[in-house]
Amino acid sequence: MARERPHILRTHAVVLRSIDYGETSRIVTLYTEDRGRMAVMVRGARASKSRFGATLEPMSHIQAVIFCKPGRELQNLTETSQASAWRGIRRSLDKLETAWRIVEFTTALMHDEEAHEDVYNLLVLSLSALDAAHARSRNLWPFFQLRLVSELGFEPVFTRESVAALTGERGVLYLESGQIAEAVWGSSPDGSIGPDGSIGPSGAVREASRAALRAFAILCRAEVASVLNMQMDAALRHEVEALVTGYVTWHVESALPNRAEKVFAQIS
């Protein structure tokens, strides 16, 4: 069996994380188009005349040249150039918070060296839309969460007909399947509703308003332009984000990060 040889990988990537290493280097986590998540060593990145400039900052969209050697834990990033500027993200605190949450969520849920082109495309689509958004940029955070877990096999299974059939003021979201239905009281083990809207002792069903459930459905299925057109007041936004958090937590709780949320809560 022939041994894999060292080779050069040229790929597009989004920078997820960048930490200092030694006196002049950095370890950078990329989400690449061809290899998925990769941690790379960037020697000389912090030198005064570094050729990398700002391309190693988180939320940067770059073209990367990586020297790959089989068996090595960290490959060497040798060259970068900017693919998309995304300057608008850094001009708004709301956009910056959303972007940090998106890259943190991606870092936590994806595994090293597992190529997933649809996830890469989702990441670029979401950050590009965030950069260009003139209003309602916060809609992209619940949108991204639902789309990423869907790519990982946890897509909600509701139908358009079930959403249209919501005639009452309230309905339910089944967290395990993502089904949406009319609220049928007494169908849970004890009929109780918790403070977060969960029904029964297992919390497997989340009760919510019809407006929140329809917004949840739009975030799951609509094009990004339609998502950015969604208008939600503070109360509805809170309810929708609670639904999304409930659904995502049910499926990937052990992987959920919260550092960005805590940091921006302190800033606010």
Protein backbone atom coordinates (compact mmCIF):
# COMPACT_ATOMS: atom_id res chain seq x y z
CA MET A 1 0.00 0.00 0.00
CA ALA A 2 1.50 3.32 -1.09
CA ARG A 3 2.18 5.85 1.63
CA GLU A 4 0.42 9.20 1.37
CA ARG A 5 2.90 11.87 0.42
CA PRO A 6 3.13 15.49 1.56
CA HIS A 7 1.08 17.74 -0.68
CA ILE A 8 -0.16 21.29 -1.14
CA LEU A 9 -3.84 21.99 -0.47
CA ARG A 10 -5.33 25.11 -2.04
CA THR A 11 -8.78 25.82 -0.67
CA HIS A 12 -11.24 28.51 0.35
CA ALA A 13 -11.86 28.79 4.09
CA VAL A 14 -13.52 30.77 6.85
CA VAL A 15 -11.40 31.54 9.91
CA LEU A 16 -13.16 30.24 13.02
CA ARG A 17 -10.56 30.85 15.70
CA SER A 18 -7.05 32.26 16.05
CA ILE A 19 -4.78 31.97 19.11
CA ASP A 20 -1.21 33.10 19.70
CA TYR A 21 1.50 30.46 19.87
CA GLY A 22 5.07 31.11 20.92
CA GLU A 23 6.59 34.49 20.17
CA THR A 24 5.59 34.98 16.54
CA SER A 25 3.21 32.20 15.49
CA ARG A 26 -0.50 31.47 15.63
CA ILE A 27 -2.66 28.36 15.66
CA VAL A 28 -5.66 29.04 13.45
CA THR A 29 -8.82 26.96 13.11
CA LEU A 30 -10.30 27.07 9.63
CA TYR A 31 -13.48 25.71 8.13
CA THR A 32 -12.33 24.76 4.65
CA GLU A 33 -14.30 24.00 1.52
CA ASP A 34 -12.32 20.81 0.85
CA ARG A 35 -11.44 19.35 4.26
CA GLY A 36 -13.95 20.77 6.73
CA ARG A 37 -12.54 21.97 10.03
CA MET A 38 -8.76 22.15 10.17
CA ALA A 39 -6.30 23.48 12.74
CA VAL A 40 -3.15 24.90 11.14
CA MET A 41 0.11 26.40 12.33
CA VAL A 42 0.98 29.81 10.92
CA ARG A 43 4.63 30.57 11.54
CA GLY A 44 5.61 34.22 11.65
CA ALA A 45 1.98 35.37 11.72
CA ARG A 46 2.66 37.88 14.52
CA ALA A 47 5.93 39.22 13.16
CA SER A 48 6.00 42.97 12.53
CA LYS A 49 6.20 42.46 8.76
CA SER A 50 3.91 39.44 8.54
CA ARG A 51 2.62 38.74 5.02
CA PHE A 52 -0.70 37.47 6.40
CA GLY A 53 -2.10 40.82 7.53
CA ALA A 54 -5.70 40.63 8.79
CA THR A 55 -6.54 37.41 6.93
CA LEU A 56 -6.12 35.32 10.09
CA GLU A 57 -8.75 37.16 12.13
CA PRO A 58 -11.94 35.22 12.98
CA MET A 59 -14.77 35.68 10.44
CA SER A 60 -12.27 36.24 7.62
CA HIS A 61 -13.05 34.58 4.29
CA ILE A 62 -9.80 33.58 2.64
CA GLN A 63 -8.04 31.58 -0.01
CA ALA A 64 -5.50 29.39 1.79
CA VAL A 65 -2.45 27.45 0.75
CA ILE A 66 -1.68 24.66 3.25
CA PHE A 67 1.30 22.33 3.28
CA CYS A 68 -0.09 18.98 4.43
CA LYS A 69 2.10 16.21 5.78
CA PRO A 70 0.45 12.87 6.69
CA GLY A 71 0.41 12.06 10.41
CA ARG A 72 1.02 15.63 11.53
CA GLU A 73 -1.56 17.05 13.94
CA LEU A 74 -1.14 20.64 12.77
CA GLN A 75 -0.59 21.36 9.08
CA ASN A 76 1.30 24.49 7.99
CA LEU A 77 -0.57 27.42 6.50
CA THR A 78 1.92 29.05 4.17
CA GLU A 79 -0.06 31.62 2.17
CA THR A 80 -3.38 33.47 2.31
CA SER A 81 -5.33 36.02 0.32
CA GLN A 82 -8.67 37.62 1.01
CA ALA A 83 -11.69 36.06 -0.71
CA SER A 84 -14.39 38.36 0.76
CA ALA A 85 -13.88 41.47 2.85
CA TRP A 86 -17.00 41.31 5.08
CA ARG A 87 -16.11 44.71 6.57
CA GLY A 88 -19.73 45.43 7.46
CA ILE A 89 -19.69 42.77 10.18
CA ARG A 90 -17.14 44.68 12.24
CA ARG A 91 -19.03 47.98 11.99
CA SER A 92 -22.02 46.80 14.05
CA LEU A 93 -22.02 45.28 17.52
CA ASP A 94 -25.17 43.28 16.73
CA LYS A 95 -23.59 41.86 13.57
CA LEU A 96 -20.34 41.12 15.35
CA GLU A 97 -22.17 39.22 18.10
CA THR A 98 -24.11 37.17 15.56
CA ALA A 99 -20.94 36.38 13.61
CA TRP A 100 -19.07 35.28 16.75
CA ARG A 101 -21.96 33.00 17.68
CA ILE A 102 -22.02 31.51 14.19
CA VAL A 103 -18.30 30.69 14.11
CA GLU A 104 -18.34 29.43 17.72
CA PHE A 105 -21.31 27.16 16.96
CA THR A 106 -19.59 25.81 13.84
CA THR A 107 -16.36 25.16 15.75
CA ALA A 108 -18.23 23.25 18.45
CA LEU A 109 -20.40 21.04 16.24
CA MET A 110 -18.06 20.12 13.38
CA HIS A 111 -15.25 17.58 13.55
CA ASP A 112 -11.72 17.86 12.19
CA GLU A 113 -10.96 16.71 8.66
CA GLU A 114 -14.58 15.83 7.77
CA ALA A 115 -15.41 17.55 4.51
CA HIS A 116 -18.95 18.91 4.35
CA GLU A 117 -19.36 21.27 1.41
CA ASP A 118 -22.96 22.16 2.30
CA VAL A 119 -21.86 23.33 5.75
CA TYR A 120 -19.10 25.44 4.21
CA ASN A 121 -21.63 26.96 1.80
CA LEU A 122 -24.07 27.64 4.65
CA LEU A 123 -21.33 29.37 6.65
CA VAL A 124 -20.33 31.60 3.73
CA LEU A 125 -23.96 32.33 2.83
CA SER A 126 -24.83 33.33 6.40
CA LEU A 127 -21.81 35.56 6.97
CA SER A 128 -22.17 37.18 3.55
CA ALA A 129 -25.84 37.93 4.27
CA LEU A 130 -24.92 39.24 7.71
CA ASP A 131 -22.27 41.53 6.25
CA ALA A 132 -24.71 43.01 3.71
CA ALA A 133 -27.82 43.19 5.94
CA HIS A 134 -29.27 46.66 6.48
CA ALA A 135 -31.78 45.57 9.14
CA ARG A 136 -32.91 42.56 11.17
CA SER A 137 -29.45 40.97 11.06
CA ARG A 138 -30.20 39.14 14.32
CA ASN A 139 -32.59 36.88 12.40
CA LEU A 140 -29.54 35.12 10.99
CA TRP A 141 -28.52 33.58 14.30
CA PRO A 142 -31.58 31.31 14.79
CA PHE A 143 -31.59 30.72 11.00
CA PHE A 144 -28.00 29.46 11.11
CA GLN A 145 -28.57 27.23 14.14
CA LEU A 146 -31.52 25.47 12.55
CA ARG A 147 -29.85 25.09 9.17
CA LEU A 148 -26.63 23.69 10.65
CA VAL A 149 -28.35 21.06 12.79
CA SER A 150 -30.46 20.17 9.75
CA GLU A 151 -27.26 19.55 7.77
CA LEU A 152 -26.13 17.25 10.58
CA GLY A 153 -29.27 15.12 10.30
CA PHE A 154 -31.67 16.82 12.70
CA GLU A 155 -33.95 18.63 10.26
CA PRO A 156 -37.43 19.34 11.69
CA VAL A 157 -40.04 17.16 9.97
CA PHE A 158 -43.09 19.44 10.02
CA THR A 159 -45.09 19.93 6.85
CA ARG A 160 -46.44 23.11 5.28
CA GLU A 161 -49.94 21.73 5.85
CA SER A 162 -49.36 21.27 9.57
CA VAL A 163 -48.23 24.88 9.92
CA ALA A 164 -51.17 26.18 7.86
CA ALA A 165 -53.54 24.11 10.03
CA LEU A 166 -52.66 26.10 13.16
CA THR A 167 -55.95 27.89 13.79
CA GLY A 168 -55.78 28.50 17.53
CA GLU A 169 -53.66 31.05 19.32
CA ARG A 170 -51.27 28.40 20.62
CA GLY A 171 -49.58 25.27 19.28
CA VAL A 172 -46.74 22.90 20.09
CA LEU A 173 -43.32 21.95 18.77
CA TYR A 174 -42.19 18.37 19.37
CA LEU A 175 -38.50 18.74 20.15
CA GLU A 176 -37.41 15.25 19.13
CA SER A 177 -38.98 15.29 15.65
CA GLY A 178 -39.58 18.97 14.97
CA GLN A 179 -43.25 18.36 14.24
CA ILE A 180 -45.60 21.34 14.63
CA ALA A 181 -49.20 20.78 15.68
CA GLU A 182 -52.20 22.23 17.45
CA ALA A 183 -51.93 22.17 21.22
CA VAL A 184 -53.96 19.27 22.63
CA TRP A 185 -54.16 19.72 26.36
CA GLY A 186 -54.00 16.62 28.48
CA SER A 187 -51.92 14.70 25.93
CA SER A 188 -48.71 15.10 27.96
CA PRO A 189 -48.00 12.71 30.86
CA ASP A 190 -49.25 15.14 33.48
CA GLY A 191 -50.68 18.01 31.41
CA SER A 192 -48.38 20.52 33.12
CA ILE A 193 -46.66 23.47 31.43
CA GLY A 194 -43.24 24.50 32.73
CA PRO A 195 -41.97 28.10 32.98
CA ASP A 196 -40.17 27.74 29.62
CA GLY A 197 -43.30 26.50 27.85
CA SER A 198 -42.34 22.81 27.97
CA ILE A 199 -45.14 20.31 28.51
CA GLY A 200 -44.89 17.33 30.81
CA PRO A 201 -41.98 16.19 33.00
CA SER A 202 -39.73 15.26 30.06
CA GLY A 203 -40.00 18.70 28.45
CA ALA A 204 -40.15 17.01 25.04
CA VAL A 205 -42.95 19.26 23.78
CA ARG A 206 -42.63 23.04 23.70
CA GLU A 207 -45.82 25.13 23.74
CA ALA A 208 -45.74 28.47 21.88
CA SER A 209 -47.86 31.02 20.10
CA ARG A 210 -49.00 30.43 16.51
CA ALA A 211 -46.87 33.40 15.38
CA ALA A 212 -43.73 31.93 16.98
CA LEU A 213 -44.29 28.49 15.46
CA ARG A 214 -44.80 29.99 12.00
CA ALA A 215 -41.61 32.05 12.41
CA PHE A 216 -39.78 28.87 13.44
CA ALA A 217 -41.00 27.21 10.24
CA ILE A 218 -39.82 30.14 8.09
CA LEU A 219 -36.35 30.03 9.68
CA CYS A 220 -36.15 26.32 8.86
CA ARG A 221 -37.18 26.45 5.22
CA ALA A 222 -37.15 29.96 3.69
CA GLU A 223 -34.44 31.60 1.58
CA VAL A 224 -32.11 33.91 3.46
CA ALA A 225 -33.64 37.03 1.86
CA SER A 226 -37.04 36.09 3.28
CA VAL A 227 -35.49 35.46 6.69
CA LEU A 228 -34.03 38.96 6.69
CA ASN A 229 -37.47 40.38 5.86
CA MET A 230 -39.07 38.80 8.94
CA GLN A 231 -40.27 41.46 11.37
CA MET A 232 -40.44 40.39 15.01
CA ASP A 233 -41.07 42.56 18.03
CA ALA A 234 -39.08 41.90 21.22
CA ALA A 235 -41.65 39.51 22.71
CA LEU A 236 -41.99 37.41 19.56
CA ARG A 237 -38.22 37.33 19.03
CA HIS A 238 -37.70 36.09 22.58
CA GLU A 239 -40.28 33.36 22.05
CA VAL A 240 -38.84 32.27 18.71
CA GLU A 241 -35.27 32.17 20.02
CA ALA A 242 -36.47 30.07 22.98
CA LEU A 243 -38.06 27.59 20.55
CA VAL A 244 -34.86 27.36 18.50
CA THR A 245 -32.70 26.98 21.60
CA GLY A 246 -35.02 24.26 22.89
CA TYR A 247 -34.91 22.33 19.63
CA VAL A 248 -31.14 22.66 19.12
CA THR A 249 -30.38 21.82 22.76
CA TRP A 250 -32.50 18.68 22.55
CA HIS A 251 -30.29 17.34 19.75
CA VAL A 252 -26.77 18.66 20.44
CA GLU A 253 -26.79 19.76 24.07
CA SER A 254 -23.35 18.38 24.92
CA ALA A 255 -21.73 20.42 22.14
CA LEU A 256 -23.41 23.78 22.74
CA PRO A 257 -20.97 26.65 23.37
CA ASN A 258 -21.88 29.84 25.24
CA ARG A 259 -18.69 31.91 25.48
CA ALA A 260 -19.75 34.46 22.86
CA GLU A 261 -23.13 34.90 24.54
CA LYS A 262 -21.49 35.60 27.90
CA VAL A 263 -18.91 38.01 26.46
CA PHE A 264 -21.48 40.11 24.59
CA ALA A 265 -23.86 40.06 27.57
CA GLN A 266 -21.11 41.75 29.61
CA ILE A 267 -20.51 44.30 26.83
CA SER A 268 -24.21 45.09 26.64
